[in-house]
Amino acid sequence: MKDVLKFIIFIIYATTIFFLPNHIFILLCFVLNLFIIMLAGLSFKKAIMNTFKIFPFILFTFIINIFLDSLTNALWVGIKLIIVCNATFIYSQTTTVARTRKDN
């Protein structure tokens, strides 16, 4: 049950990031991700490496958004994608299928 609640909170958090205004709230989400990484005892290096693995897709989305919108909005979408990818890394490292199966 705990993992289901964690999953629902993760989905709400990841979705909400894209609806937030493009200023201080995004910085707060970034700081929240860093705090959760420290709290969960995860490796910062591993989190950064995971983000760089996905970076070509983020860059592709950024370039498409430049053509469809503006450079500023494309930059904000890219930053939001980085934050969501980081949150996904945190979720994937703190919840595994084996752990979920063991808890039940």
Protein backbone atom coordinates (compact mmCIF):
# COMPACT_ATOMS: atom_id res chain seq x y z
CA MET A 1 0.00 0.00 0.00
CA LYS A 2 2.91 2.31 0.80
CA ASP A 3 4.32 1.88 -2.71
CA VAL A 4 0.94 2.61 -4.30
CA LEU A 5 0.74 5.85 -2.34
CA LYS A 6 4.32 6.70 -3.34
CA PHE A 7 3.43 6.05 -7.00
CA ILE A 8 0.36 8.29 -6.85
CA ILE A 9 2.36 11.09 -5.22
CA PHE A 10 5.07 10.69 -7.87
CA ILE A 11 2.54 10.93 -10.73
CA ILE A 12 0.91 14.02 -9.20
CA TYR A 13 4.32 15.65 -8.60
CA ALA A 14 5.61 14.92 -12.11
CA THR A 15 2.40 16.19 -13.72
CA THR A 16 2.21 19.29 -11.56
CA ILE A 17 5.71 20.39 -12.57
CA PHE A 18 4.51 21.05 -16.12
CA PHE A 19 1.62 23.21 -14.90
CA LEU A 20 3.72 25.37 -12.57
CA PRO A 21 4.69 28.91 -13.55
CA ASN A 22 8.18 29.24 -14.96
CA HIS A 23 9.89 30.95 -12.06
CA ILE A 24 10.54 30.28 -8.40
CA PHE A 25 8.34 27.18 -8.21
CA ILE A 26 10.57 25.33 -10.64
CA LEU A 27 13.61 26.21 -8.53
CA LEU A 28 11.77 24.89 -5.47
CA CYS A 29 11.08 21.60 -7.28
CA PHE A 30 14.78 21.33 -8.13
CA VAL A 31 15.74 21.93 -4.49
CA LEU A 32 13.10 19.42 -3.38
CA ASN A 33 14.62 16.79 -5.67
CA LEU A 34 18.08 17.46 -4.22
CA PHE A 35 16.69 17.20 -0.70
CA ILE A 36 14.98 13.89 -1.49
CA ILE A 37 18.20 12.52 -2.99
CA MET A 38 20.05 13.38 0.22
CA LEU A 39 17.24 12.03 2.40
CA ALA A 40 17.05 8.75 0.49
CA GLY A 41 20.83 8.35 0.55
CA LEU A 42 21.16 8.18 -3.22
CA SER A 43 24.33 9.02 -5.14
CA PHE A 44 24.44 12.50 -6.71
CA LYS A 45 26.88 11.17 -9.30
CA LYS A 46 24.48 8.40 -10.30
CA ALA A 47 21.60 10.90 -10.54
CA ILE A 48 23.64 13.19 -12.80
CA MET A 49 24.81 10.30 -14.98
CA ASN A 50 21.22 9.11 -15.35
CA THR A 51 20.18 12.59 -16.48
CA PHE A 52 22.99 12.71 -19.06
CA LYS A 53 21.82 9.37 -20.48
CA ILE A 54 18.42 10.91 -21.21
CA PHE A 55 19.84 14.28 -22.26
CA PRO A 56 19.68 13.62 -26.05
CA PHE A 57 15.90 13.20 -25.78
CA ILE A 58 15.59 16.34 -23.68
CA LEU A 59 17.71 18.22 -26.22
CA PHE A 60 15.55 16.92 -29.07
CA THR A 61 12.40 18.12 -27.28
CA PHE A 62 14.09 21.47 -26.60
CA ILE A 63 14.92 21.94 -30.30
CA ILE A 64 11.40 21.00 -31.41
CA ASN A 65 9.97 23.50 -28.90
CA ILE A 66 12.22 26.26 -30.25
CA PHE A 67 10.58 25.84 -33.65
CA LEU A 68 7.06 25.48 -32.26
CA ASP A 69 7.21 28.21 -29.63
CA SER A 70 10.02 30.45 -28.44
CA LEU A 71 13.51 29.98 -27.09
CA THR A 72 12.44 31.03 -23.59
CA ASN A 73 9.54 28.60 -23.39
CA ALA A 74 11.65 25.83 -24.92
CA LEU A 75 14.26 26.42 -22.22
CA TRP A 76 11.62 26.19 -19.48
CA VAL A 77 10.24 22.95 -20.94
CA GLY A 78 13.79 21.53 -21.04
CA ILE A 79 14.37 22.47 -17.39
CA LYS A 80 11.05 20.92 -16.40
CA LEU A 81 11.95 17.73 -18.27
CA ILE A 82 15.27 17.53 -16.43
CA ILE A 83 13.47 17.89 -13.08
CA VAL A 84 10.90 15.23 -14.00
CA CYS A 85 13.61 12.85 -15.23
CA ASN A 86 15.45 13.38 -11.96
CA ALA A 87 12.26 12.69 -10.00
CA THR A 88 11.76 9.54 -12.07
CA PHE A 89 15.30 8.44 -11.17
CA ILE A 90 14.57 9.01 -7.49
CA TYR A 91 11.35 7.03 -7.72
CA SER A 92 13.00 4.18 -9.62
CA GLN A 93 15.82 3.93 -7.09
CA THR A 94 13.56 3.95 -4.05
CA THR A 95 10.87 1.58 -5.36
CA THR A 96 11.61 -1.75 -6.99
CA VAL A 97 9.44 -4.65 -8.03
CA ALA A 98 11.24 -6.97 -5.63
CA ARG A 99 10.68 -4.59 -2.72
CA THR A 100 7.00 -4.17 -3.61
CA ARG A 101 6.55 -7.93 -3.88
CA LYS A 102 8.34 -8.54 -0.57
CA ASP A 103 6.17 -6.01 1.29
CA ASN A 104 2.95 -7.75 0.23
